[in-house]
Amino acid sequence: MKTFRLVSFQCLEQKDGEIVHLPIPLKEGLIINREEKDGSWLINAVVDRDQETWFIHSRDQENPLVIEVIITDPRNEPAIMTGTVMDQSDLSEGISLLIKAKMAGGQEDVSQMILEDLAKEGYTGSEMIEEFQVRKKNSRIRSAKMAQRIFESFGSTN
């Protein structure tokens, strides 16, 4: 197992066909690569108590979470994961969430997704290469595109 510091945690929701980023302020956080065949990770996030209702609702509705995390250094690229809240504990300074998660896609998946979109939009040659570089640098757009595909795979049409 490998343990990393969780430096950013956002939930992504689909509302009226748009992907909405919901930043979740962290008090503390760890993310553990379990290095098992199923590719599962564990996330332990300590968050403000006012976030509890949202996570309880998600768990009670049995909705998988779509989350964006950044580990170790805020300058690192965000990773998109899907997960479920496994446990929740009250703490004096907030709540502790234990989330079992899986990576939604690696860098190859992101590159493939961007290239497919560019081809559909009619980009070719050097214009395609330039636009690819622009989109690859914009992590918020990449996250939204990846989340959109995840929600489509869940059959969500909110």
C-alpha atoms as a PDB file:
ATOM      1  CA  MET A   1       0.000   0.000   0.000  1.00  0.00           C
ATOM      2  CA  LYS A   2       1.033   3.565  -0.648  1.00  0.00           C
ATOM      3  CA  THR A   3      -0.330   6.496   1.303  1.00  0.00           C
ATOM      4  CA  PHE A   4      -0.453  10.065   0.015  1.00  0.00           C
ATOM      5  CA  ARG A   5      -1.591  13.382   1.446  1.00  0.00           C
ATOM      6  CA  LEU A   6      -4.924  14.539   0.027  1.00  0.00           C
ATOM      7  CA  VAL A   7      -4.641  18.256  -0.767  1.00  0.00           C
ATOM      8  CA  SER A   8      -7.841  18.891  -2.732  1.00  0.00           C
ATOM      9  CA  PHE A   9     -11.224  17.179  -2.788  1.00  0.00           C
ATOM     10  CA  GLN A  10     -14.169  18.133  -4.999  1.00  0.00           C
ATOM     11  CA  CYS A  11     -17.398  16.358  -5.724  1.00  0.00           C
ATOM     12  CA  LEU A  12     -18.805  16.600  -9.228  1.00  0.00           C
ATOM     13  CA  GLU A  13     -22.542  16.598  -9.846  1.00  0.00           C
ATOM     14  CA  GLN A  14     -24.650  16.685 -12.943  1.00  0.00           C
ATOM     15  CA  LYS A  15     -27.335  19.383 -12.846  1.00  0.00           C
ATOM     16  CA  ASP A  16     -29.458  20.205 -15.859  1.00  0.00           C
ATOM     17  CA  GLY A  17     -26.966  18.484 -18.144  1.00  0.00           C
ATOM     18  CA  GLU A  18     -24.007  20.498 -16.830  1.00  0.00           C
ATOM     19  CA  ILE A  19     -21.192  19.295 -14.611  1.00  0.00           C
ATOM     20  CA  VAL A  20     -20.898  21.305 -11.393  1.00  0.00           C
ATOM     21  CA  HIS A  21     -17.744  21.246  -9.241  1.00  0.00           C
ATOM     22  CA  LEU A  22     -18.455  21.307  -5.505  1.00  0.00           C
ATOM     23  CA  PRO A  23     -15.255  22.099  -3.603  1.00  0.00           C
ATOM     24  CA  ILE A  24     -15.174  20.316  -0.251  1.00  0.00           C
ATOM     25  CA  PRO A  25     -12.879  22.164   2.180  1.00  0.00           C
ATOM     26  CA  LEU A  26     -10.539  19.664   3.804  1.00  0.00           C
ATOM     27  CA  LYS A  27      -9.357  19.836   7.366  1.00  0.00           C
ATOM     28  CA  GLU A  28      -7.152  16.782   6.773  1.00  0.00           C
ATOM     29  CA  GLY A  29      -7.006  14.022   4.238  1.00  0.00           C
ATOM     30  CA  LEU A  30      -5.205  10.891   3.162  1.00  0.00           C
ATOM     31  CA  ILE A  31      -5.594   8.731   0.097  1.00  0.00           C
ATOM     32  CA  ILE A  32      -4.328   5.161   0.026  1.00  0.00           C
ATOM     33  CA  ASN A  33      -3.541   3.151  -3.083  1.00  0.00           C
ATOM     34  CA  ARG A  34      -4.385  -0.349  -1.884  1.00  0.00           C
ATOM     35  CA  GLU A  35      -2.403  -1.818  -4.813  1.00  0.00           C
ATOM     36  CA  GLU A  36      -4.923  -4.614  -5.244  1.00  0.00           C
ATOM     37  CA  LYS A  37      -6.146  -6.220  -8.451  1.00  0.00           C
ATOM     38  CA  ASP A  38      -9.461  -4.360  -8.323  1.00  0.00           C
ATOM     39  CA  GLY A  39      -7.610  -1.020  -8.398  1.00  0.00           C
ATOM     40  CA  SER A  40      -9.367   0.289  -5.300  1.00  0.00           C
ATOM     41  CA  TRP A  41      -8.245   3.252  -3.255  1.00  0.00           C
ATOM     42  CA  LEU A  42      -9.307   4.430   0.194  1.00  0.00           C
ATOM     43  CA  ILE A  43      -9.883   8.085   0.914  1.00  0.00           C
ATOM     44  CA  ASN A  44     -10.080   9.413   4.448  1.00  0.00           C
ATOM     45  CA  ALA A  45     -11.233  13.020   4.483  1.00  0.00           C
ATOM     46  CA  VAL A  46     -11.966  15.150   7.527  1.00  0.00           C
ATOM     47  CA  VAL A  47     -14.444  17.836   6.503  1.00  0.00           C
ATOM     48  CA  ASP A  48     -16.670  20.423   8.173  1.00  0.00           C
ATOM     49  CA  ARG A  49     -19.838  19.153   9.760  1.00  0.00           C
ATOM     50  CA  ASP A  50     -21.924  21.291   7.365  1.00  0.00           C
ATOM     51  CA  GLN A  51     -20.907  18.883   4.545  1.00  0.00           C
ATOM     52  CA  GLU A  52     -22.520  15.926   6.333  1.00  0.00           C
ATOM     53  CA  THR A  53     -26.020  16.295   4.851  1.00  0.00           C
ATOM     54  CA  TRP A  54     -24.740  16.125   1.277  1.00  0.00           C
ATOM     55  CA  PHE A  55     -22.735  12.941   1.930  1.00  0.00           C
ATOM     56  CA  ILE A  56     -25.580  11.300   3.881  1.00  0.00           C
ATOM     57  CA  HIS A  57     -27.992  12.053   1.037  1.00  0.00           C
ATOM     58  CA  SER A  58     -25.586  10.585  -1.511  1.00  0.00           C
ATOM     59  CA  ARG A  59     -25.060   7.447   0.584  1.00  0.00           C
ATOM     60  CA  ASP A  60     -28.792   6.992   1.296  1.00  0.00           C
ATOM     61  CA  GLN A  61     -29.645   7.374  -2.404  1.00  0.00           C
ATOM     62  CA  GLU A  62     -26.912   4.827  -3.162  1.00  0.00           C
ATOM     63  CA  ASN A  63     -25.489   7.259  -5.698  1.00  0.00           C
ATOM     64  CA  PRO A  64     -21.844   6.680  -6.523  1.00  0.00           C
ATOM     65  CA  LEU A  65     -19.743   9.754  -5.923  1.00  0.00           C
ATOM     66  CA  VAL A  66     -17.806  11.300  -8.764  1.00  0.00           C
ATOM     67  CA  ILE A  67     -14.882  13.074  -7.190  1.00  0.00           C
ATOM     68  CA  GLU A  68     -11.804  14.993  -8.256  1.00  0.00           C
ATOM     69  CA  VAL A  69      -8.786  14.687  -6.008  1.00  0.00           C
ATOM     70  CA  ILE A  70      -5.314  16.156  -5.995  1.00  0.00           C
ATOM     71  CA  ILE A  71      -2.658  14.373  -3.985  1.00  0.00           C
ATOM     72  CA  THR A  72       0.637  15.416  -2.415  1.00  0.00           C
ATOM     73  CA  ASP A  73       1.119  18.813  -4.105  1.00  0.00           C
ATOM     74  CA  PRO A  74      -1.551  21.330  -5.223  1.00  0.00           C
ATOM     75  CA  ARG A  75       0.290  21.694  -8.551  1.00  0.00           C
ATOM     76  CA  ASN A  76      -0.309  18.027  -9.424  1.00  0.00           C
ATOM     77  CA  GLU A  77      -2.878  17.076 -12.028  1.00  0.00           C
ATOM     78  CA  PRO A  78      -6.301  16.213 -10.604  1.00  0.00           C
ATOM     79  CA  ALA A  79      -7.554  12.634 -10.806  1.00  0.00           C
ATOM     80  CA  ILE A  80     -11.191  11.710 -11.355  1.00  0.00           C
ATOM     81  CA  MET A  81     -12.511   8.858  -9.247  1.00  0.00           C
ATOM     82  CA  THR A  82     -15.798   7.178  -8.505  1.00  0.00           C
ATOM     83  CA  GLY A  83     -16.566   5.957  -5.031  1.00  0.00           C
ATOM     84  CA  THR A  84     -18.960   5.285  -2.205  1.00  0.00           C
ATOM     85  CA  VAL A  85     -18.990   6.421   1.400  1.00  0.00           C
ATOM     86  CA  MET A  86     -18.177   3.341   3.454  1.00  0.00           C
ATOM     87  CA  ASP A  87     -18.154   4.943   6.891  1.00  0.00           C
ATOM     88  CA  GLN A  88     -18.625   8.255   8.603  1.00  0.00           C
ATOM     89  CA  SER A  89     -17.493   9.251  12.087  1.00  0.00           C
ATOM     90  CA  ASP A  90     -18.222  12.323  14.153  1.00  0.00           C
ATOM     91  CA  LEU A  91     -15.174  14.181  15.393  1.00  0.00           C
ATOM     92  CA  SER A  92     -14.940  17.243  17.606  1.00  0.00           C
ATOM     93  CA  GLU A  93     -13.665  19.280  14.639  1.00  0.00           C
ATOM     94  CA  GLY A  94     -15.965  17.878  11.920  1.00  0.00           C
ATOM     95  CA  ILE A  95     -16.682  14.523  10.347  1.00  0.00           C
ATOM     96  CA  SER A  96     -14.369  11.847   9.040  1.00  0.00           C
ATOM     97  CA  LEU A  97     -15.402  10.153   5.803  1.00  0.00           C
ATOM     98  CA  LEU A  98     -14.041   6.838   4.603  1.00  0.00           C
ATOM     99  CA  ILE A  99     -14.600   6.444   0.875  1.00  0.00           C
ATOM    100  CA  LYS A 100     -13.765   3.416  -1.243  1.00  0.00           C
ATOM    101  CA  ALA A 101     -12.900   4.669  -4.718  1.00  0.00           C
ATOM    102  CA  LYS A 102     -11.522   3.697  -8.120  1.00  0.00           C
ATOM    103  CA  MET A 103      -9.759   5.776 -10.730  1.00  0.00           C
ATOM    104  CA  ALA A 104     -12.141   6.718 -13.512  1.00  0.00           C
ATOM    105  CA  GLY A 105      -9.448   6.905 -16.146  1.00  0.00           C
ATOM    106  CA  GLY A 106      -5.772   7.455 -16.644  1.00  0.00           C
ATOM    107  CA  GLN A 107      -3.879   9.942 -18.770  1.00  0.00           C
ATOM    108  CA  GLU A 108      -4.309   7.730 -21.841  1.00  0.00           C
ATOM    109  CA  ASP A 109      -8.087   7.815 -21.378  1.00  0.00           C
ATOM    110  CA  VAL A 110      -8.041  11.603 -21.067  1.00  0.00           C
ATOM    111  CA  SER A 111      -5.905  11.997 -24.192  1.00  0.00           C
ATOM    112  CA  GLN A 112      -8.161   9.613 -26.111  1.00  0.00           C
ATOM    113  CA  MET A 113     -11.251  11.514 -24.979  1.00  0.00           C
ATOM    114  CA  ILE A 114      -9.779  14.862 -26.043  1.00  0.00           C
ATOM    115  CA  LEU A 115      -8.718  13.515 -29.435  1.00  0.00           C
ATOM    116  CA  GLU A 116     -12.151  11.972 -30.068  1.00  0.00           C
ATOM    117  CA  ASP A 117     -13.823  15.294 -29.264  1.00  0.00           C
ATOM    118  CA  LEU A 118     -11.443  17.206 -31.536  1.00  0.00           C
ATOM    119  CA  ALA A 119     -12.058  14.789 -34.413  1.00  0.00           C
ATOM    120  CA  LYS A 120     -15.849  15.111 -33.942  1.00  0.00           C
ATOM    121  CA  GLU A 121     -15.468  18.888 -34.017  1.00  0.00           C
ATOM    122  CA  GLY A 122     -13.575  18.705 -37.319  1.00  0.00           C
ATOM    123  CA  TYR A 123     -10.083  19.630 -36.167  1.00  0.00           C
ATOM    124  CA  THR A 124      -7.205  18.296 -38.273  1.00  0.00           C
ATOM    125  CA  GLY A 125      -3.471  18.749 -38.677  1.00  0.00           C
ATOM    126  CA  SER A 126      -1.683  21.483 -36.789  1.00  0.00           C
ATOM    127  CA  GLU A 127      -4.965  23.036 -35.582  1.00  0.00           C
ATOM    128  CA  MET A 128      -5.794  19.725 -33.891  1.00  0.00           C
ATOM    129  CA  ILE A 129      -2.383  19.587 -32.222  1.00  0.00           C
ATOM    130  CA  GLU A 130      -2.652  23.169 -30.938  1.00  0.00           C
ATOM    131  CA  GLU A 131      -6.182  22.694 -29.614  1.00  0.00           C
ATOM    132  CA  PHE A 132      -5.167  19.372 -28.046  1.00  0.00           C
ATOM    133  CA  GLN A 133      -2.425  21.156 -26.072  1.00  0.00           C
ATOM    134  CA  VAL A 134      -4.861  23.866 -24.923  1.00  0.00           C
ATOM    135  CA  ARG A 135      -7.462  21.346 -23.751  1.00  0.00           C
ATOM    136  CA  LYS A 136      -4.892  19.075 -22.125  1.00  0.00           C
ATOM    137  CA  LYS A 137      -3.761  22.011 -19.945  1.00  0.00           C
ATOM    138  CA  ASN A 138      -7.299  22.903 -18.842  1.00  0.00           C
ATOM    139  CA  SER A 139      -7.956  20.409 -16.049  1.00  0.00           C
ATOM    140  CA  ARG A 140     -11.412  21.816 -15.203  1.00  0.00           C
ATOM    141  CA  ILE A 141     -12.705  21.118 -18.729  1.00  0.00           C
ATOM    142  CA  ARG A 142     -11.064  17.664 -18.712  1.00  0.00           C
ATOM    143  CA  SER A 143     -12.654  16.857 -15.363  1.00  0.00           C
ATOM    144  CA  ALA A 144     -16.080  17.955 -16.561  1.00  0.00           C
ATOM    145  CA  LYS A 145     -15.792  15.864 -19.753  1.00  0.00           C
ATOM    146  CA  MET A 146     -14.671  12.785 -17.836  1.00  0.00           C
ATOM    147  CA  ALA A 147     -17.439  13.287 -15.266  1.00  0.00           C
ATOM    148  CA  GLN A 148     -20.017  13.657 -18.052  1.00  0.00           C
ATOM    149  CA  ARG A 149     -18.978  10.289 -19.452  1.00  0.00           C
ATOM    150  CA  ILE A 150     -19.145   8.708 -16.009  1.00  0.00           C
ATOM    151  CA  PHE A 151     -22.649  10.039 -15.392  1.00  0.00           C
ATOM    152  CA  GLU A 152     -23.715   8.770 -18.828  1.00  0.00           C
ATOM    153  CA  SER A 153     -22.387   5.318 -17.918  1.00  0.00           C
ATOM    154  CA  PHE A 154     -24.464   5.452 -14.702  1.00  0.00           C
ATOM    155  CA  GLY A 155     -27.514   6.309 -16.769  1.00  0.00           C
ATOM    156  CA  SER A 156     -27.895   9.618 -14.933  1.00  0.00           C
ATOM    157  CA  THR A 157     -29.806  12.305 -16.817  1.00  0.00           C
ATOM    158  CA  ASN A 158     -30.382  14.936 -14.118  1.00  0.00           C
END
